[in-house]
Amino acid sequence: MEQRVSSKGSCQGSVPAPSAPLCTALLCSFLQKCQEHGTPQVLGGQQKAVEGSLQHVVNETTKEMIARSCATIVTHPFHVITLRCMVQFIGRETKYSGVFDSIVTVYREEGLLGFFAGLIPRLLGDVLSLWICNLLAHLINTYAIDDSMSHTGEIKNCSQAVTGFFASMLTYPFVLVSNLMAVNNCGLAGGLPPYASVCPTWVDCWRHLSREGNMSRGNSLFFRKLPAGKIYAVDQKRFF
């Protein structure tokens, strides 16, 4: 996709209108504030768990999971619009231009469900990533780091960052499937063959990617590999 973007226009043309991402960021901030000021009682709520204990980690992770899930559900329509604004650059289309026009377009063509395309794998990926990150960090901080060591706080923060990166790598296939389903068969060239396969459900998309060995497609920040089973036609600048 990077090559298609660079060959079809300037960098400015490849960036979607900031309205949808801005709405997503504002809603996430608002929901986070709501979660900080009033969180539900969860496991072990009658008795306050000791800070640093497994029960405390479970309680805090459960609260964060609820807040994140709510934020993901509320902001997902804007996430879908943002992705489609970017993908439409592949075919030089202007179907989605602005938040309100895009909302009308999605509702007219796909109904309410169109705003939540790819939501389930995104939710699953967020929840799994959160639990893997927090539990692994707790295990490392409890059993691998001695509190008598110097700079213990910095080391624990570092372990949290490392486990977060590891968790994001493990759950990347959910992110990939979610993004593909958000633009799947939406009327844009980038969401239709030959650029993308049309999949009825996210499970079919997962199976298709797994069958082709492309579950980690786009995962690397610096290197890109040729998709399994694909041939790149230089003259047409696309894969077959």
Protein backbone atom coordinates (compact mmCIF):
# COMPACT_ATOMS: atom_id res chain seq x y z
CA MET A 1 0.00 0.00 0.00
CA GLU A 2 2.89 2.38 0.77
CA GLN A 3 4.12 2.13 -2.82
CA ARG A 4 0.64 2.81 -4.17
CA VAL A 5 0.31 5.88 -1.97
CA SER A 6 3.68 7.31 -2.96
CA SER A 7 3.06 6.72 -6.66
CA LYS A 8 -0.43 8.21 -6.72
CA GLY A 9 0.05 11.49 -4.95
CA SER A 10 1.68 13.55 -2.28
CA CYS A 11 1.86 12.67 1.39
CA GLN A 12 -0.81 15.26 2.09
CA GLY A 13 -3.27 13.42 -0.11
CA SER A 14 -2.79 10.18 1.79
CA VAL A 15 -3.81 11.64 5.15
CA PRO A 16 -7.55 11.58 5.96
CA ALA A 17 -9.42 14.55 7.31
CA PRO A 18 -8.52 14.94 11.01
CA SER A 19 -12.16 15.10 12.12
CA ALA A 20 -12.73 11.37 12.66
CA PRO A 21 -9.45 10.70 14.55
CA LEU A 22 -10.07 13.84 16.62
CA CYS A 23 -13.56 12.64 17.58
CA THR A 24 -12.09 9.27 18.55
CA ALA A 25 -9.43 10.88 20.76
CA LEU A 26 -11.92 13.20 22.47
CA LEU A 27 -14.37 10.37 23.20
CA CYS A 28 -11.58 8.16 24.56
CA SER A 29 -10.40 10.95 26.87
CA PHE A 30 -13.93 11.61 28.09
CA LEU A 31 -14.61 7.92 28.82
CA GLN A 32 -11.26 7.57 30.58
CA LYS A 33 -12.14 10.48 32.87
CA CYS A 34 -15.51 8.88 33.61
CA GLN A 35 -13.79 5.61 34.45
CA GLU A 36 -11.34 7.36 36.81
CA HIS A 37 -14.10 9.15 38.73
CA GLY A 38 -16.52 6.28 39.04
CA THR A 39 -15.59 2.62 38.57
CA PRO A 40 -17.78 -0.39 39.38
CA GLN A 41 -16.99 -2.80 42.17
CA VAL A 42 -15.41 -5.95 40.78
CA LEU A 43 -13.93 -9.16 42.09
CA GLY A 44 -13.04 -8.86 45.73
CA GLY A 45 -14.70 -5.45 45.96
CA GLN A 46 -15.89 -5.96 49.54
CA GLN A 47 -12.31 -6.24 50.74
CA LYS A 48 -9.65 -3.95 49.38
CA ALA A 49 -6.87 -6.04 47.85
CA VAL A 50 -3.29 -5.42 48.87
CA GLU A 51 -1.52 -3.26 46.29
CA GLY A 52 0.83 -5.38 44.22
CA SER A 53 -1.03 -8.63 44.89
CA LEU A 54 -2.52 -10.77 42.14
CA GLN A 55 -6.04 -9.92 43.33
CA HIS A 56 -5.24 -6.21 43.04
CA VAL A 57 -3.92 -6.72 39.48
CA VAL A 58 -7.06 -8.67 38.54
CA ASN A 59 -9.34 -5.98 39.99
CA GLU A 60 -7.55 -3.11 38.27
CA THR A 61 -7.31 -4.98 34.98
CA THR A 62 -11.02 -5.78 35.09
CA LYS A 63 -11.85 -2.10 35.62
CA GLU A 64 -9.55 -1.09 32.79
CA MET A 65 -11.01 -3.78 30.55
CA ILE A 66 -14.54 -2.47 31.09
CA ALA A 67 -13.45 1.11 30.42
CA ARG A 68 -11.48 0.16 27.31
CA SER A 69 -14.29 -1.98 25.92
CA CYS A 70 -16.79 0.85 26.36
CA ALA A 71 -14.40 3.30 24.72
CA THR A 72 -13.76 0.92 21.82
CA ILE A 73 -17.48 0.38 21.18
CA VAL A 74 -18.30 4.10 21.33
CA THR A 75 -15.38 5.22 19.12
CA HIS A 76 -15.41 2.34 16.62
CA PRO A 77 -17.68 4.12 14.09
CA PHE A 78 -15.09 6.91 13.82
CA HIS A 79 -12.33 4.29 13.55
CA VAL A 80 -14.17 2.72 10.60
CA ILE A 81 -14.55 6.11 8.90
CA THR A 82 -10.87 6.91 9.45
CA LEU A 83 -9.75 3.63 7.88
CA ARG A 84 -12.03 4.07 4.88
CA CYS A 85 -10.80 7.63 4.34
CA MET A 86 -7.27 6.25 4.11
CA VAL A 87 -8.09 3.18 2.01
CA GLN A 88 -10.02 5.17 -0.59
CA PHE A 89 -6.73 6.81 -1.60
CA ILE A 90 -5.75 3.52 -3.30
CA GLY A 91 -8.42 4.01 -5.96
CA ARG A 92 -8.32 7.83 -5.88
CA GLU A 93 -11.90 7.86 -4.63
CA THR A 94 -13.74 10.57 -2.70
CA LYS A 95 -16.61 8.53 -1.32
CA TYR A 96 -15.82 9.41 2.29
CA SER A 97 -15.12 13.12 2.73
CA GLY A 98 -15.77 14.42 6.22
CA VAL A 99 -17.35 12.93 9.31
CA PHE A 100 -20.99 13.83 8.71
CA ASP A 101 -21.00 12.91 5.02
CA SER A 102 -19.28 9.63 5.87
CA ILE A 103 -21.84 8.84 8.57
CA VAL A 104 -24.67 9.38 6.07
CA THR A 105 -22.89 7.24 3.47
CA VAL A 106 -22.28 4.32 5.84
CA TYR A 107 -25.82 4.41 7.21
CA ARG A 108 -27.41 4.62 3.76
CA GLU A 109 -25.41 1.70 2.32
CA GLU A 110 -24.90 -0.62 5.30
CA GLY A 111 -27.20 0.52 8.09
CA LEU A 112 -26.15 0.67 11.74
CA LEU A 113 -24.09 -2.50 11.48
CA GLY A 114 -21.77 -0.77 9.00
CA PHE A 115 -20.47 1.46 11.79
CA PHE A 116 -19.33 -1.61 13.75
CA ALA A 117 -17.60 -3.56 10.97
CA GLY A 118 -14.60 -5.33 12.48
CA LEU A 119 -15.61 -4.54 16.07
CA ILE A 120 -15.48 -8.08 17.49
CA PRO A 121 -11.85 -8.90 16.59
CA ARG A 122 -10.81 -5.43 17.76
CA LEU A 123 -12.49 -5.97 21.13
CA LEU A 124 -10.98 -9.44 21.50
CA GLY A 125 -7.52 -8.13 20.63
CA ASP A 126 -7.76 -5.24 23.11
CA VAL A 127 -8.95 -7.46 25.96
CA LEU A 128 -6.38 -10.20 25.35
CA SER A 129 -3.56 -7.67 24.98
CA LEU A 130 -4.52 -5.95 28.23
CA TRP A 131 -4.67 -9.16 30.28
CA ILE A 132 -1.46 -10.59 28.79
CA CYS A 133 0.40 -7.33 29.40
CA ASN A 134 -0.73 -6.82 33.01
CA LEU A 135 -0.40 -10.45 34.13
CA LEU A 136 3.04 -10.87 32.57
CA ALA A 137 4.22 -7.60 34.11
CA HIS A 138 2.92 -8.74 37.50
CA LEU A 139 4.75 -12.07 37.24
CA ILE A 140 8.01 -10.37 36.22
CA ASN A 141 7.75 -7.68 38.91
CA THR A 142 6.90 -10.25 41.59
CA TYR A 143 9.25 -13.12 40.82
CA ALA A 144 12.06 -11.69 38.66
CA ILE A 145 12.68 -8.27 40.22
CA ASP A 146 14.03 -7.91 43.75
CA ASP A 147 12.68 -4.89 45.63
CA SER A 148 16.11 -4.42 47.20
CA MET A 149 17.59 -3.63 43.79
CA SER A 150 18.41 -0.04 42.91
CA HIS A 151 16.12 1.74 40.44
CA THR A 152 13.37 -0.81 41.06
CA GLY A 153 10.67 1.61 39.94
CA GLU A 154 12.35 2.27 36.58
CA ILE A 155 12.88 -1.45 36.01
CA LYS A 156 9.20 -2.21 36.71
CA ASN A 157 8.11 0.53 34.30
CA CYS A 158 10.42 -0.93 31.70
CA SER A 159 8.97 -4.42 32.23
CA GLN A 160 5.47 -2.99 31.73
CA ALA A 161 6.55 -1.47 28.41
CA VAL A 162 8.23 -4.68 27.25
CA THR A 163 5.25 -6.87 28.13
CA GLY A 164 2.96 -4.36 26.39
CA PHE A 165 5.03 -4.64 23.21
CA PHE A 166 5.04 -8.45 23.48
CA ALA A 167 1.27 -8.53 24.01
CA SER A 168 0.66 -6.27 21.02
CA MET A 169 2.72 -8.62 18.85
CA LEU A 170 0.73 -11.65 20.00
CA THR A 171 -2.62 -9.98 19.39
CA TYR A 172 -1.67 -8.26 16.12
CA PRO A 173 -3.72 -10.73 14.00
CA PHE A 174 -6.87 -9.42 15.70
CA VAL A 175 -5.91 -5.86 14.76
CA LEU A 176 -5.22 -6.91 11.16
CA VAL A 177 -8.52 -8.77 10.79
CA SER A 178 -10.44 -5.89 12.37
CA ASN A 179 -8.94 -3.33 9.98
CA LEU A 180 -9.56 -5.53 6.96
CA MET A 181 -13.19 -6.14 7.95
CA ALA A 182 -13.72 -2.40 8.51
CA VAL A 183 -13.11 -1.79 4.79
CA ASN A 184 -14.25 -5.18 3.50
CA ASN A 185 -16.66 -4.91 0.57
CA CYS A 186 -17.53 -1.29 1.42
CA GLY A 187 -17.56 -0.14 -2.20
CA LEU A 188 -13.95 1.07 -2.23
CA ALA A 189 -11.34 -0.39 -4.58
CA GLY A 190 -9.05 -1.12 -1.63
CA GLY A 191 -11.68 -3.32 -0.01
CA LEU A 192 -12.41 -5.40 -3.11
CA PRO A 193 -10.44 -7.88 -5.27
CA PRO A 194 -7.67 -7.84 -6.37
CA TYR A 195 -6.54 -5.66 -3.47
CA ALA A 196 -8.51 -7.57 -0.82
CA SER A 197 -10.66 -10.67 -0.65
CA VAL A 198 -14.35 -10.32 0.20
CA CYS A 199 -15.11 -12.18 3.44
CA PRO A 200 -18.63 -12.66 4.88
CA THR A 201 -17.43 -12.69 8.52
CA TRP A 202 -14.28 -11.91 10.47
CA VAL A 203 -13.78 -15.63 11.08
CA ASP A 204 -13.66 -16.22 7.31
CA CYS A 205 -11.14 -13.38 7.02
CA TRP A 206 -9.02 -14.96 9.78
CA ARG A 207 -9.11 -18.35 8.04
CA HIS A 208 -8.22 -16.78 4.69
CA LEU A 209 -5.20 -14.95 6.11
CA SER A 210 -4.11 -18.02 8.07
CA ARG A 211 -4.39 -20.20 4.98
CA GLU A 212 -2.17 -17.80 3.01
CA GLY A 213 0.29 -17.34 5.88
CA ASN A 214 -0.40 -13.60 6.12
CA MET A 215 -1.45 -13.29 9.76
CA SER A 216 1.51 -11.00 10.49
CA ARG A 217 1.13 -8.90 7.34
CA GLY A 218 2.18 -5.33 8.03
CA ASN A 219 3.38 -6.12 11.55
CA SER A 220 6.96 -4.95 11.00
CA LEU A 221 7.72 -1.24 11.33
CA PHE A 222 10.75 -1.29 9.03
CA PHE A 223 10.53 -4.35 6.76
CA ARG A 224 7.81 -5.59 4.42
CA LYS A 225 7.69 -9.09 3.02
CA LEU A 226 5.99 -10.34 -0.13
CA PRO A 227 2.56 -11.78 0.76
CA ALA A 228 2.59 -15.57 0.63
CA GLY A 229 1.41 -16.95 -2.70
CA LYS A 230 1.43 -13.52 -4.39
CA ILE A 231 3.31 -12.17 -7.41
CA TYR A 232 4.02 -8.46 -7.79
CA ALA A 233 3.35 -7.05 -11.26
CA VAL A 234 5.72 -4.10 -11.68
CA ASP A 235 3.90 -2.61 -14.66
CA GLN A 236 0.53 -2.58 -12.85
CA LYS A 237 2.08 -1.95 -9.42
CA ARG A 238 -0.06 -4.46 -7.56
CA PHE A 239 -0.08 -8.06 -6.29
CA PHE A 240 -1.73 -11.03 -7.98
